Amino acid sequence: MDLTGLLVQAVSGAVGGSAAGAAAKNYSLGAVGNAIAGAVGGGILGQLMGNFAGQMIEGWVGDIVGGGVGGIVLTLVAGLIRNMTSK
């Protein structure tokens, strides 16, 4: 793992989290919350995807895809949990 790949994953995750929040207004955490949750999710899932996918998705493409998907997933899960606990 290198720092450049992690940064790409975090930025891709922040973009994915922001897009998920804009698309699913019910699960939005606000602009900053979506970006933070997305960046964290992008870093975590991007690293897991690199470990499990192995040679299938490698390099910048893998970092961008893993980060974006991770950002979307964590943002939606965090929004779902927030909605469930606020009722």
C-alpha atoms as a PDB file:
ATOM      1  CA  MET A   1       0.000   0.000   0.000  1.00  0.00           C
ATOM      2  CA  ASP A   2       1.260   3.429  -0.853  1.00  0.00           C
ATOM      3  CA  LEU A   3       0.107   6.836   0.260  1.00  0.00           C
ATOM      4  CA  THR A   4      -0.841   7.936  -3.256  1.00  0.00           C
ATOM      5  CA  GLY A   5      -3.262   5.026  -3.692  1.00  0.00           C
ATOM      6  CA  LEU A   6      -4.844   5.720  -0.313  1.00  0.00           C
ATOM      7  CA  LEU A   7      -5.306   9.394  -1.158  1.00  0.00           C
ATOM      8  CA  VAL A   8      -6.905   8.508  -4.500  1.00  0.00           C
ATOM      9  CA  GLN A   9      -9.252   6.114  -2.709  1.00  0.00           C
ATOM     10  CA  ALA A  10     -10.188   8.736  -0.104  1.00  0.00           C
ATOM     11  CA  VAL A  11     -10.877  11.420  -2.718  1.00  0.00           C
ATOM     12  CA  SER A  12     -12.873   8.980  -4.856  1.00  0.00           C
ATOM     13  CA  GLY A  13     -14.791   7.958  -1.753  1.00  0.00           C
ATOM     14  CA  ALA A  14     -15.573  11.571  -0.893  1.00  0.00           C
ATOM     15  CA  VAL A  15     -16.905  12.130  -4.414  1.00  0.00           C
ATOM     16  CA  GLY A  16     -18.912   8.890  -4.255  1.00  0.00           C
ATOM     17  CA  GLY A  17     -20.299   9.764  -0.829  1.00  0.00           C
ATOM     18  CA  SER A  18     -21.342  13.216  -2.006  1.00  0.00           C
ATOM     19  CA  ALA A  19     -23.027  11.731  -5.064  1.00  0.00           C
ATOM     20  CA  ALA A  20     -24.830   9.146  -2.933  1.00  0.00           C
ATOM     21  CA  GLY A  21     -26.057  11.843  -0.565  1.00  0.00           C
ATOM     22  CA  ALA A  22     -27.305  13.951  -3.470  1.00  0.00           C
ATOM     23  CA  ALA A  23     -29.056  10.994  -5.089  1.00  0.00           C
ATOM     24  CA  ALA A  24     -30.630   9.589  -1.910  1.00  0.00           C
ATOM     25  CA  LYS A  25     -31.837  12.635   0.011  1.00  0.00           C
ATOM     26  CA  ASN A  26     -33.366  10.469   2.778  1.00  0.00           C
ATOM     27  CA  TYR A  27     -29.929   9.082   3.644  1.00  0.00           C
ATOM     28  CA  SER A  28     -27.931  12.286   3.246  1.00  0.00           C
ATOM     29  CA  LEU A  29     -25.675  13.324   6.124  1.00  0.00           C
ATOM     30  CA  GLY A  30     -25.203  16.850   4.818  1.00  0.00           C
ATOM     31  CA  ALA A  31     -22.459  17.964   2.453  1.00  0.00           C
ATOM     32  CA  VAL A  32     -19.594  17.649   4.926  1.00  0.00           C
ATOM     33  CA  GLY A  33     -20.931  14.447   6.495  1.00  0.00           C
ATOM     34  CA  ASN A  34     -21.308  12.792   3.104  1.00  0.00           C
ATOM     35  CA  ALA A  35     -17.767  13.745   2.121  1.00  0.00           C
ATOM     36  CA  ILE A  36     -16.259  12.524   5.402  1.00  0.00           C
ATOM     37  CA  ALA A  37     -18.184   9.252   5.435  1.00  0.00           C
ATOM     38  CA  GLY A  38     -17.333   8.756   1.781  1.00  0.00           C
ATOM     39  CA  ALA A  39     -13.616   9.372   2.325  1.00  0.00           C
ATOM     40  CA  VAL A  40     -13.485   6.922   5.224  1.00  0.00           C
ATOM     41  CA  GLY A  41     -15.488   4.328   3.308  1.00  0.00           C
ATOM     42  CA  GLY A  42     -13.338   4.846   0.232  1.00  0.00           C
ATOM     43  CA  GLY A  43     -10.160   4.245   2.181  1.00  0.00           C
ATOM     44  CA  ILE A  44     -11.466   1.146   3.943  1.00  0.00           C
ATOM     45  CA  LEU A  45     -13.201  -0.562   1.028  1.00  0.00           C
ATOM     46  CA  GLY A  46     -10.468   0.461  -1.375  1.00  0.00           C
ATOM     47  CA  GLN A  47      -7.920  -1.356   0.784  1.00  0.00           C
ATOM     48  CA  LEU A  48     -10.154  -4.404   1.185  1.00  0.00           C
ATOM     49  CA  MET A  49     -10.834  -4.502  -2.531  1.00  0.00           C
ATOM     50  CA  GLY A  50      -7.105  -4.414  -3.204  1.00  0.00           C
ATOM     51  CA  ASN A  51      -6.576  -7.366  -0.869  1.00  0.00           C
ATOM     52  CA  PHE A  52      -9.449  -9.512  -2.135  1.00  0.00           C
ATOM     53  CA  ALA A  53      -9.613  -8.614  -5.821  1.00  0.00           C
ATOM     54  CA  GLY A  54      -5.890  -9.087  -6.206  1.00  0.00           C
ATOM     55  CA  GLN A  55      -4.792  -8.866  -9.810  1.00  0.00           C
ATOM     56  CA  MET A  56      -8.250  -8.354 -11.343  1.00  0.00           C
ATOM     57  CA  ILE A  57      -8.479  -4.628 -10.589  1.00  0.00           C
ATOM     58  CA  GLU A  58      -5.116  -3.023 -10.119  1.00  0.00           C
ATOM     59  CA  GLY A  59      -3.606   0.430 -10.170  1.00  0.00           C
ATOM     60  CA  TRP A  60      -5.461   3.696 -10.511  1.00  0.00           C
ATOM     61  CA  VAL A  61      -8.630   2.099 -11.849  1.00  0.00           C
ATOM     62  CA  GLY A  62      -8.883  -0.180  -8.827  1.00  0.00           C
ATOM     63  CA  ASP A  63      -8.212   2.709  -6.464  1.00  0.00           C
ATOM     64  CA  ILE A  64     -10.869   4.896  -8.064  1.00  0.00           C
ATOM     65  CA  VAL A  65     -13.501   2.148  -8.298  1.00  0.00           C
ATOM     66  CA  GLY A  66     -12.835   0.814  -4.805  1.00  0.00           C
ATOM     67  CA  GLY A  67     -12.865   4.286  -3.295  1.00  0.00           C
ATOM     68  CA  GLY A  68     -16.034   5.356  -5.079  1.00  0.00           C
ATOM     69  CA  VAL A  69     -17.948   2.210  -4.187  1.00  0.00           C
ATOM     70  CA  GLY A  70     -16.718   2.359  -0.603  1.00  0.00           C
ATOM     71  CA  GLY A  71     -17.811   5.969  -0.295  1.00  0.00           C
ATOM     72  CA  ILE A  72     -21.272   5.200  -1.615  1.00  0.00           C
ATOM     73  CA  VAL A  73     -21.737   2.167   0.625  1.00  0.00           C
ATOM     74  CA  LEU A  74     -20.571   3.764   3.875  1.00  0.00           C
ATOM     75  CA  THR A  75     -22.525   6.977   3.261  1.00  0.00           C
ATOM     76  CA  LEU A  76     -25.758   5.077   2.647  1.00  0.00           C
ATOM     77  CA  VAL A  77     -25.201   2.770   5.639  1.00  0.00           C
ATOM     78  CA  ALA A  78     -24.428   5.720   7.938  1.00  0.00           C
ATOM     79  CA  GLY A  79     -27.523   7.580   6.663  1.00  0.00           C
ATOM     80  CA  LEU A  80     -29.677   4.496   7.227  1.00  0.00           C
ATOM     81  CA  ILE A  81     -28.387   4.094  10.779  1.00  0.00           C
ATOM     82  CA  ARG A  82     -28.926   7.791  11.489  1.00  0.00           C
ATOM     83  CA  ASN A  83     -32.509   7.595  10.215  1.00  0.00           C
ATOM     84  CA  MET A  84     -33.251   4.482  12.261  1.00  0.00           C
ATOM     85  CA  THR A  85     -31.909   5.945  15.496  1.00  0.00           C
ATOM     86  CA  SER A  86     -33.677   9.308  15.105  1.00  0.00           C
ATOM     87  CA  LYS A  87     -37.169   7.770  15.096  1.00  0.00           C
END
